[in-house]
PDB file of N, CA and C in Angstrom:
ATOM      1  N   UNK A   1      59.287  76.026 -78.184  1.00  0.00           N
ATOM      2  CA  UNK A   1      58.194  75.297 -77.565  1.00  0.00           C
ATOM      3  C   UNK A   1      57.772  75.957 -76.248  1.00  0.00           C
ATOM      4  N   UNK A   2      58.743  76.316 -75.432  1.00  0.00           N
ATOM      5  CA  UNK A   2      58.442  76.965 -74.161  1.00  0.00           C
ATOM      6  C   UNK A   2      57.825  78.340 -74.407  1.00  0.00           C
ATOM      7  N   UNK A   3      58.342  79.057 -75.409  1.00  0.00           N
ATOM      8  CA  UNK A   3      57.784  80.367 -75.741  1.00  0.00           C
ATOM      9  C   UNK A   3      56.302  80.288 -76.055  1.00  0.00           C
ATOM     10  N   UNK A   4      55.909  79.289 -76.823  1.00  0.00           N
ATOM     11  CA  UNK A   4      54.510  79.116 -77.182  1.00  0.00           C
ATOM     12  C   UNK A   4      53.673  78.807 -75.950  1.00  0.00           C
ATOM     13  N   UNK A   5      54.169  77.956 -75.090  1.00  0.00           N
ATOM     14  CA  UNK A   5      53.448  77.617 -73.865  1.00  0.00           C
ATOM     15  C   UNK A   5      53.306  78.838 -72.962  1.00  0.00           C
ATOM     16  N   UNK A   6      54.368  79.618 -72.859  1.00  0.00           N
ATOM     17  CA  UNK A   6      54.324  80.829 -72.043  1.00  0.00           C
ATOM     18  C   UNK A   6      53.322  81.833 -72.606  1.00  0.00           C
ATOM     19  N   UNK A   7      53.293  81.977 -73.925  1.00  0.00           N
ATOM     20  CA  UNK A   7      52.343  82.896 -74.561  1.00  0.00           C
ATOM     21  C   UNK A   7      50.910  82.430 -74.330  1.00  0.00           C
ATOM     22  N   UNK A   8      50.684  81.130 -74.462  1.00  0.00           N
ATOM     23  CA  UNK A   8      49.338  80.584 -74.241  1.00  0.00           C
ATOM     24  C   UNK A   8      48.900  80.781 -72.801  1.00  0.00           C
ATOM     25  N   UNK A   9      49.804  80.534 -71.863  1.00  0.00           N
ATOM     26  CA  UNK A   9      49.499  80.722 -70.454  1.00  0.00           C
ATOM     27  C   UNK A   9      49.214  82.183 -70.154  1.00  0.00           C
ATOM     28  N   UNK A  10      49.985  83.084 -70.729  1.00  0.00           N
ATOM     29  CA  UNK A  10      49.777  84.519 -70.553  1.00  0.00           C
ATOM     30  C   UNK A  10      48.403  84.935 -71.083  1.00  0.00           C
ATOM     31  N   UNK A  11      48.042  84.420 -72.254  1.00  0.00           N
ATOM     32  CA  UNK A  11      46.746  84.740 -72.848  1.00  0.00           C
ATOM     33  C   UNK A  11      45.606  84.225 -71.973  1.00  0.00           C
ATOM     34  N   UNK A  12      45.742  83.022 -71.457  1.00  0.00           N
ATOM     35  CA  UNK A  12      44.711  82.446 -70.582  1.00  0.00           C
ATOM     36  C   UNK A  12      44.551  83.285 -69.326  1.00  0.00           C
ATOM     37  N   UNK A  13      45.651  83.719 -68.753  1.00  0.00           N
ATOM     38  CA  UNK A  13      45.596  84.544 -67.548  1.00  0.00           C
ATOM     39  C   UNK A  13      44.915  85.887 -67.822  1.00  0.00           C
ATOM     40  N   UNK A  14      45.195  86.475 -68.988  1.00  0.00           N
ATOM     41  CA  UNK A  14      44.556  87.748 -69.346  1.00  0.00           C
ATOM     42  C   UNK A  14      43.054  87.569 -69.518  1.00  0.00           C
ATOM     43  N   UNK A  15      42.647  86.499 -70.203  1.00  0.00           N
ATOM     44  CA  UNK A  15      41.222  86.242 -70.404  1.00  0.00           C
ATOM     45  C   UNK A  15      40.510  85.991 -69.080  1.00  0.00           C
ATOM     46  N   UNK A  16      41.155  85.281 -68.170  1.00  0.00           N
ATOM     47  CA  UNK A  16      40.560  85.042 -66.853  1.00  0.00           C
ATOM     48  C   UNK A  16      40.393  86.342 -66.085  1.00  0.00           C
ATOM     49  N   UNK A  17      41.396  87.193 -66.154  1.00  0.00           N
ATOM     50  CA  UNK A  17      41.317  88.483 -65.460  1.00  0.00           C
ATOM     51  C   UNK A  17      40.183  89.328 -66.035  1.00  0.00           C
ATOM     52  N   UNK A  18      40.044  89.324 -67.333  1.00  0.00           N
ATOM     53  CA  UNK A  18      38.986  90.094 -67.992  1.00  0.00           C
ATOM     54  C   UNK A  18      37.612  89.552 -67.630  1.00  0.00           C
ATOM     55  N   UNK A  19      37.489  88.240 -67.553  1.00  0.00           N
ATOM     56  CA  UNK A  19      36.182  87.640 -67.291  1.00  0.00           C
ATOM     57  C   UNK A  19      35.631  88.011 -65.922  1.00  0.00           C
ATOM     58  N   UNK A  20      36.502  88.344 -64.986  1.00  0.00           N
ATOM     59  CA  UNK A  20      36.039  88.687 -63.641  1.00  0.00           C
ATOM     60  C   UNK A  20      35.834  90.189 -63.438  1.00  0.00           C
ATOM     61  N   UNK A  21      36.100  90.996 -64.453  1.00  0.00           N
ATOM     62  CA  UNK A  21      35.995  92.453 -64.316  1.00  0.00           C
ATOM     63  C   UNK A  21      34.732  92.977 -64.995  1.00  0.00           C
ATOM     64  N   UNK A  22      34.217  94.073 -64.460  1.00  0.00           N
ATOM     65  CA  UNK A  22      33.072  94.741 -65.073  1.00  0.00           C
ATOM     66  C   UNK A  22      33.504  95.931 -65.922  1.00  0.00           C
ATOM     67  N   UNK A  23      34.601  96.569 -65.538  1.00  0.00           N
ATOM     68  CA  UNK A  23      35.123  97.731 -66.258  1.00  0.00           C
ATOM     69  C   UNK A  23      36.511  97.377 -66.785  1.00  0.00           C
ATOM     70  N   UNK A  24      36.727  97.659 -68.071  1.00  0.00           N
ATOM     71  CA  UNK A  24      37.981  97.294 -68.728  1.00  0.00           C
ATOM     72  C   UNK A  24      38.747  98.538 -69.158  1.00  0.00           C
ATOM     73  N   UNK A  25      40.067  98.443 -69.142  1.00  0.00           N
ATOM     74  CA  UNK A  25      40.877  99.504 -69.730  1.00  0.00           C
ATOM     75  C   UNK A  25      41.015  99.223 -71.227  1.00  0.00           C
ATOM     76  N   UNK A  26      41.712 100.065 -71.944  1.00  0.00           N
ATOM     77  CA  UNK A  26      41.759  99.940 -73.401  1.00  0.00           C
ATOM     78  C   UNK A  26      42.470  98.653 -73.839  1.00  0.00           C
ATOM     79  N   UNK A  27      43.502  98.238 -73.106  1.00  0.00           N
ATOM     80  CA  UNK A  27      44.196  96.995 -73.474  1.00  0.00           C
ATOM     81  C   UNK A  27      43.268  95.789 -73.295  1.00  0.00           C
ATOM     82  N   UNK A  28      42.550  95.769 -72.185  1.00  0.00           N
ATOM     83  CA  UNK A  28      41.621  94.668 -71.928  1.00  0.00           C
ATOM     84  C   UNK A  28      40.459  94.692 -72.921  1.00  0.00           C
ATOM     85  N   UNK A  29      39.983  95.882 -73.257  1.00  0.00           N
ATOM     86  CA  UNK A  29      38.913  96.001 -74.248  1.00  0.00           C
ATOM     87  C   UNK A  29      39.378  95.515 -75.611  1.00  0.00           C
ATOM     88  N   UNK A  30      40.637  95.750 -75.915  1.00  0.00           N
ATOM     89  CA  UNK A  30      41.210  95.279 -77.167  1.00  0.00           C
ATOM     90  C   UNK A  30      41.215  93.750 -77.223  1.00  0.00           C
ATOM     91  N   UNK A  31      41.612  93.132 -76.143  1.00  0.00           N
ATOM     92  CA  UNK A  31      41.611  91.671 -76.071  1.00  0.00           C
ATOM     93  C   UNK A  31      40.178  91.145 -76.137  1.00  0.00           C
ATOM     94  N   UNK A  32      39.276  91.772 -75.407  1.00  0.00           N
ATOM     95  CA  UNK A  32      37.880  91.329 -75.333  1.00  0.00           C
ATOM     96  C   UNK A  32      37.169  91.415 -76.684  1.00  0.00           C
ATOM     97  N   UNK A  33      37.404  92.513 -77.411  1.00  0.00           N
ATOM     98  CA  UNK A  33      36.703  92.710 -78.686  1.00  0.00           C
ATOM     99  C   UNK A  33      37.446  92.136 -79.880  1.00  0.00           C
ATOM    100  N   UNK A  34      38.773  92.012 -79.746  1.00  0.00           N
ATOM    101  CA  UNK A  34      39.574  91.563 -80.876  1.00  0.00           C
ATOM    102  C   UNK A  34      40.038  92.705 -81.766  1.00  0.00           C
ATOM    103  N   UNK A  35      39.679  93.945 -81.404  1.00  0.00           N
ATOM    104  CA  UNK A  35      40.125  95.111 -82.156  1.00  0.00           C
ATOM    105  C   UNK A  35      41.442  95.623 -81.582  1.00  0.00           C
ATOM    106  N   UNK A  36      42.249  96.218 -82.436  1.00  0.00           N
ATOM    107  CA  UNK A  36      43.508  96.809 -81.980  1.00  0.00           C
ATOM    108  C   UNK A  36      43.220  98.019 -81.098  1.00  0.00           C
ATOM    109  N   UNK A  37      44.139  98.284 -80.167  1.00  0.00           N
ATOM    110  CA  UNK A  37      43.980  99.451 -79.293  1.00  0.00           C
ATOM    111  C   UNK A  37      43.881 100.733 -80.113  1.00  0.00           C
ATOM    112  N   UNK A  38      44.682 100.843 -81.162  1.00  0.00           N
ATOM    113  CA  UNK A  38      44.672 102.051 -81.984  1.00  0.00           C
ATOM    114  C   UNK A  38      43.302 102.273 -82.626  1.00  0.00           C
ATOM    115  N   UNK A  39      42.633 101.178 -82.997  1.00  0.00           N
ATOM    116  CA  UNK A  39      41.297 101.300 -83.598  1.00  0.00           C
ATOM    117  C   UNK A  39      40.282 101.768 -82.555  1.00  0.00           C
ATOM    118  N   UNK A  40      40.396 101.258 -81.340  1.00  0.00           N
ATOM    119  CA  UNK A  40      39.486 101.706 -80.278  1.00  0.00           C
ATOM    120  C   UNK A  40      39.710 103.182 -79.963  1.00  0.00           C
ATOM    121  N   UNK A  41      40.985 103.612 -79.932  1.00  0.00           N
ATOM    122  CA  UNK A  41      41.280 105.033 -79.724  1.00  0.00           C
ATOM    123  C   UNK A  41      40.683 105.874 -80.852  1.00  0.00           C
ATOM    124  N   UNK A  42      40.831 105.392 -82.074  1.00  0.00           N
ATOM    125  CA  UNK A  42      40.308 106.124 -83.230  1.00  0.00           C
ATOM    126  C   UNK A  42      38.790 106.269 -83.134  1.00  0.00           C
ATOM    127  N   UNK A  43      38.105 105.162 -82.832  1.00  0.00           N
ATOM    128  CA  UNK A  43      36.646 105.215 -82.714  1.00  0.00           C
ATOM    129  C   UNK A  43      36.204 106.156 -81.604  1.00  0.00           C
ATOM    130  N   UNK A  44      36.932 106.147 -80.496  1.00  0.00           N
ATOM    131  CA  UNK A  44      36.546 107.011 -79.370  1.00  0.00           C
ATOM    132  C   UNK A  44      36.744 108.482 -79.698  1.00  0.00           C
ATOM    133  N   UNK A  45      37.734 108.785 -80.522  1.00  0.00           N
ATOM    134  CA  UNK A  45      37.988 110.188 -80.862  1.00  0.00           C
ATOM    135  C   UNK A  45      37.067 110.690 -81.966  1.00  0.00           C
ATOM    136  N   UNK A  46      36.506 109.785 -82.752  1.00  0.00           N
ATOM    137  CA  UNK A  46      35.633 110.170 -83.860  1.00  0.00           C
ATOM    138  C   UNK A  46      34.182 110.371 -83.438  1.00  0.00           C
ATOM    139  N   UNK A  47      33.878 110.061 -82.189  1.00  0.00           N
ATOM    140  CA  UNK A  47      32.503 110.217 -81.736  1.00  0.00           C
ATOM    141  C   UNK A  47      31.585 109.113 -82.249  1.00  0.00           C
ATOM    142  N   UNK A  48      32.131 107.928 -82.437  1.00  0.00           N
ATOM    143  CA  UNK A  48      31.314 106.800 -82.890  1.00  0.00           C
ATOM    144  C   UNK A  48      30.410 106.337 -81.753  1.00  0.00           C
ATOM    145  N   UNK A  49      29.654 105.290 -81.992  1.00  0.00           N
ATOM    146  CA  UNK A  49      28.763 104.768 -80.960  1.00  0.00           C
ATOM    147  C   UNK A  49      29.465 103.800 -80.011  1.00  0.00           C
ATOM    148  N   UNK A  50      30.783 103.766 -80.050  1.00  0.00           N
ATOM    149  CA  UNK A  50      31.565 102.948 -79.130  1.00  0.00           C
ATOM    150  C   UNK A  50      31.296 103.419 -77.701  1.00  0.00           C
ATOM    151  N   UNK A  51      30.846 102.520 -76.823  1.00  0.00           N
ATOM    152  CA  UNK A  51      30.545 102.937 -75.441  1.00  0.00           C
ATOM    153  C   UNK A  51      31.826 103.079 -74.623  1.00  0.00           C
ATOM    154  N   UNK A  52      32.316 104.290 -74.498  1.00  0.00           N
ATOM    155  CA  UNK A  52      33.593 104.540 -73.842  1.00  0.00           C
ATOM    156  C   UNK A  52      33.437 105.616 -72.775  1.00  0.00           C
ATOM    157  N   UNK A  53      34.235 105.498 -71.721  1.00  0.00           N
ATOM    158  CA  UNK A  53      34.202 106.455 -70.621  1.00  0.00           C
ATOM    159  C   UNK A  53      35.597 107.020 -70.399  1.00  0.00           C
ATOM    160  N   UNK A  54      35.649 108.308 -70.087  1.00  0.00           N
ATOM    161  CA  UNK A  54      36.897 108.983 -69.807  1.00  0.00           C
ATOM    162  C   UNK A  54      36.592 110.182 -68.923  1.00  0.00           C
ATOM    163  N   UNK A  55      37.475 110.462 -67.982  1.00  0.00           N
ATOM    164  CA  UNK A  55      37.234 111.592 -67.075  1.00  0.00           C
ATOM    165  C   UNK A  55      37.370 112.932 -67.777  1.00  0.00           C
ATOM    166  N   UNK A  56      38.281 113.014 -68.734  1.00  0.00           N
ATOM    167  CA  UNK A  56      38.454 114.240 -69.503  1.00  0.00           C
ATOM    168  C   UNK A  56      39.151 113.898 -70.815  1.00  0.00           C
ATOM    169  N   UNK A  57      39.150 114.845 -71.733  1.00  0.00           N
ATOM    170  CA  UNK A  57      39.756 114.614 -73.041  1.00  0.00           C
ATOM    171  C   UNK A  57      41.247 114.294 -72.884  1.00  0.00           C
ATOM    172  N   UNK A  58      41.689 113.244 -73.535  1.00  0.00           N
ATOM    173  CA  UNK A  58      43.080 112.837 -73.466  1.00  0.00           C
ATOM    174  C   UNK A  58      43.404 111.920 -72.296  1.00  0.00           C
ATOM    175  N   UNK A  59      42.405 111.635 -71.458  1.00  0.00           N
ATOM    176  CA  UNK A  59      42.640 110.759 -70.306  1.00  0.00           C
ATOM    177  C   UNK A  59      42.484 109.296 -70.718  1.00  0.00           C
ATOM    178  N   UNK A  60      42.755 108.420 -69.780  1.00  0.00           N
ATOM    179  CA  UNK A  60      42.614 106.988 -70.037  1.00  0.00           C
ATOM    180  C   UNK A  60      41.168 106.656 -70.397  1.00  0.00           C
ATOM    181  N   UNK A  61      41.024 105.634 -71.232  1.00  0.00           N
ATOM    182  CA  UNK A  61      39.698 105.183 -71.639  1.00  0.00           C
ATOM    183  C   UNK A  61      39.292 103.959 -70.829  1.00  0.00           C
ATOM    184  N   UNK A  62      38.015 103.901 -70.512  1.00  0.00           N
ATOM    185  CA  UNK A  62      37.462 102.749 -69.804  1.00  0.00           C
ATOM    186  C   UNK A  62      36.179 102.316 -70.496  1.00  0.00           C
ATOM    187  N   UNK A  63      35.864 101.034 -70.357  1.00  0.00           N
ATOM    188  CA  UNK A  63      34.716 100.448 -71.033  1.00  0.00           C
ATOM    189  C   UNK A  63      33.978  99.525 -70.070  1.00  0.00           C
ATOM    190  N   UNK A  64      32.648  99.603 -70.069  1.00  0.00           N
ATOM    191  CA  UNK A  64      31.860  98.627 -69.330  1.00  0.00           C
ATOM    192  C   UNK A  64      31.758  97.389 -70.218  1.00  0.00           C
ATOM    193  N   UNK A  65      32.140  96.258 -69.662  1.00  0.00           N
ATOM    194  CA  UNK A  65      32.202  95.034 -70.457  1.00  0.00           C
ATOM    195  C   UNK A  65      30.837  94.684 -71.042  1.00  0.00           C
ATOM    196  N   UNK A  66      29.777  94.856 -70.272  1.00  0.00           N
ATOM    197  CA  UNK A  66      28.433  94.519 -70.765  1.00  0.00           C
ATOM    198  C   UNK A  66      28.043  95.397 -71.959  1.00  0.00           C
ATOM    199  N   UNK A  67      28.432  96.679 -71.925  1.00  0.00           N
ATOM    200  CA  UNK A  67      28.129  97.574 -73.041  1.00  0.00           C
ATOM    201  C   UNK A  67      28.967  97.242 -74.269  1.00  0.00           C
ATOM    202  N   UNK A  68      30.228  96.857 -74.047  1.00  0.00           N
ATOM    203  CA  UNK A  68      31.074  96.440 -75.168  1.00  0.00           C
ATOM    204  C   UNK A  68      30.490  95.202 -75.845  1.00  0.00           C
ATOM    205  N   UNK A  69      30.009  94.289 -75.038  1.00  0.00           N
ATOM    206  CA  UNK A  69      29.414  93.061 -75.572  1.00  0.00           C
ATOM    207  C   UNK A  69      28.204  93.389 -76.447  1.00  0.00           C
ATOM    208  N   UNK A  70      27.362  94.303 -75.976  1.00  0.00           N
ATOM    209  CA  UNK A  70      26.210  94.734 -76.777  1.00  0.00           C
ATOM    210  C   UNK A  70      26.663  95.444 -78.044  1.00  0.00           C
ATOM    211  N   UNK A  71      27.678  96.264 -77.937  1.00  0.00           N
ATOM    212  CA  UNK A  71      28.176  97.003 -79.093  1.00  0.00           C
ATOM    213  C   UNK A  71      28.732  96.056 -80.152  1.00  0.00           C
ATOM    214  N   UNK A  72      29.500  95.082 -79.717  1.00  0.00           N
ATOM    215  CA  UNK A  72      30.116  94.135 -80.655  1.00  0.00           C
ATOM    216  C   UNK A  72      29.057  93.290 -81.343  1.00  0.00           C
ATOM    217  N   UNK A  73      28.015  92.922 -80.630  1.00  0.00           N
ATOM    218  CA  UNK A  73      26.979  92.047 -81.194  1.00  0.00           C
ATOM    219  C   UNK A  73      25.763  92.819 -81.701  1.00  0.00           C
ATOM    220  N   UNK A  74      25.825  94.131 -81.686  1.00  0.00           N
ATOM    221  CA  UNK A  74      24.663  94.944 -82.028  1.00  0.00           C
ATOM    222  C   UNK A  74      24.346  95.083 -83.497  1.00  0.00           C
ATOM    223  N   UNK A  75      25.219  94.662 -84.361  1.00  0.00           N
ATOM    224  CA  UNK A  75      25.016  94.857 -85.795  1.00  0.00           C
ATOM    225  C   UNK A  75      24.825  93.518 -86.501  1.00  0.00           C
ATOM    226  N   UNK A  76      23.730  92.869 -86.154  1.00  0.00           N
ATOM    227  CA  UNK A  76      23.433  91.577 -86.753  1.00  0.00           C
ATOM    228  C   UNK A  76      23.005  91.777 -88.201  1.00  0.00           C
ATOM    229  N   UNK A  77      23.611  91.006 -89.083  1.00  0.00           N
ATOM    230  CA  UNK A  77      23.226  91.066 -90.486  1.00  0.00           C
ATOM    231  C   UNK A  77      21.880  90.372 -90.659  1.00  0.00           C
ATOM    232  N   UNK A  78      21.037  90.963 -91.462  1.00  0.00           N
ATOM    233  CA  UNK A  78      19.720  90.404 -91.706  1.00  0.00           C
ATOM    234  C   UNK A  78      19.799  89.397 -92.844  1.00  0.00           C
ATOM    235  N   UNK A  79      19.207  88.231 -92.597  1.00  0.00           N
ATOM    236  CA  UNK A  79      19.171  87.198 -93.627  1.00  0.00           C
ATOM    237  C   UNK A  79      18.020  87.478 -94.577  1.00  0.00           C
ATOM    238  N   UNK A  80      18.150  87.031 -95.804  1.00  0.00           N
ATOM    239  CA  UNK A  80      17.104  87.204 -96.811  1.00  0.00           C
ATOM    240  C   UNK A  80      15.811  86.571 -96.318  1.00  0.00           C
ATOM    241  N   UNK A  81      15.907  85.403 -95.702  1.00  0.00           N
ATOM    242  CA  UNK A  81      14.702  84.721 -95.215  1.00  0.00           C
ATOM    243  C   UNK A  81      13.992  85.544 -94.143  1.00  0.00           C
ATOM    244  N   UNK A  82      14.735  86.278 -93.320  1.00  0.00           N
ATOM    245  CA  UNK A  82      14.123  87.145 -92.308  1.00  0.00           C
ATOM    246  C   UNK A  82      13.356  88.289 -92.963  1.00  0.00           C
ATOM    247  N   UNK A  83      13.940  88.874 -94.003  1.00  0.00           N
ATOM    248  CA  UNK A  83      13.284  89.974 -94.723  1.00  0.00           C
ATOM    249  C   UNK A  83      12.022  89.464 -95.409  1.00  0.00           C
ATOM    250  N   UNK A  84      12.119  88.300 -96.025  1.00  0.00           N
ATOM    251  CA  UNK A  84      10.943  87.720 -96.686  1.00  0.00           C
ATOM    252  C   UNK A  84       9.826  87.478 -95.681  1.00  0.00           C
ATOM    253  N   UNK A  85      10.170  87.005 -94.496  1.00  0.00           N
ATOM    254  CA  UNK A  85       9.175  86.764 -93.454  1.00  0.00           C
ATOM    255  C   UNK A  85       8.532  88.072 -93.002  1.00  0.00           C
ATOM    256  N   UNK A  86       9.328  89.122 -92.867  1.00  0.00           N
ATOM    257  CA  UNK A  86       8.788  90.434 -92.483  1.00  0.00           C
ATOM    258  C   UNK A  86       7.836  90.968 -93.546  1.00  0.00           C
ATOM    259  N   UNK A  87       8.165  90.760 -94.817  1.00  0.00           N
ATOM    260  CA  UNK A  87       7.305  91.209 -95.915  1.00  0.00           C
ATOM    261  C   UNK A  87       5.980  90.455 -95.867  1.00  0.00           C
ATOM    262  N   UNK A  88       6.030  89.156 -95.670  1.00  0.00           N
ATOM    263  CA  UNK A  88       4.806  88.348 -95.583  1.00  0.00           C
ATOM    264  C   UNK A  88       3.918  88.831 -94.444  1.00  0.00           C
ATOM    265  N   UNK A  89       4.531  89.059 -93.274  1.00  0.00           N
ATOM    266  CA  UNK A  89       3.760  89.540 -92.130  1.00  0.00           C
ATOM    267  C   UNK A  89       3.131  90.898 -92.408  1.00  0.00           C
ATOM    268  N   UNK A  90       3.873  91.773 -93.040  1.00  0.00           N
ATOM    269  CA  UNK A  90       3.380  93.101 -93.370  1.00  0.00           C
ATOM    270  C   UNK A  90       2.203  93.017 -94.340  1.00  0.00           C
ATOM    271  N   UNK A  91       2.329  92.195 -95.368  1.00  0.00           N
ATOM    272  CA  UNK A  91       1.277  92.056 -96.371  1.00  0.00           C
ATOM    273  C   UNK A  91       0.025  91.401 -95.784  1.00  0.00           C
ATOM    274  N   UNK A  92       0.181  90.478 -94.878  1.00  0.00           N
ATOM    275  CA  UNK A  92      -0.956  89.810 -94.268  1.00  0.00           C
ATOM    276  C   UNK A  92      -1.711  90.721 -93.301  1.00  0.00           C
ATOM    277  N   UNK A  93      -0.992  91.675 -92.711  1.00  0.00           N
ATOM    278  CA  UNK A  93      -1.619  92.577 -91.729  1.00  0.00           C
ATOM    279  C   UNK A  93      -2.277  93.794 -92.391  1.00  0.00           C
ATOM    280  N   UNK A  94      -2.080  93.992 -93.653  1.00  0.00           N
ATOM    281  CA  UNK A  94      -2.703  95.148 -94.335  1.00  0.00           C
ATOM    282  C   UNK A  94      -4.042  94.822 -94.894  1.00  0.00           C
TER     283      UNK A  94
END
């Protein structure tokens, strides 16, 4: 019971610390995005569109929280109704 409370308190403290920061390290970025650190390292080494900063190859990784937020939410799935609406607009404008 105490272990669970301690873990919850630790998690709350980490989230509070992250919420007040503009630049995150890889551990904080992992907590913020929900992705494992190893996955973030993999994406950064593959040249993906992950917004990551590093002083040189093999150095620590840093992330701007605002850019991570855009990256995580940047791939909105399109609903069928949205596509149908776009088609209607296109056909009406021709």
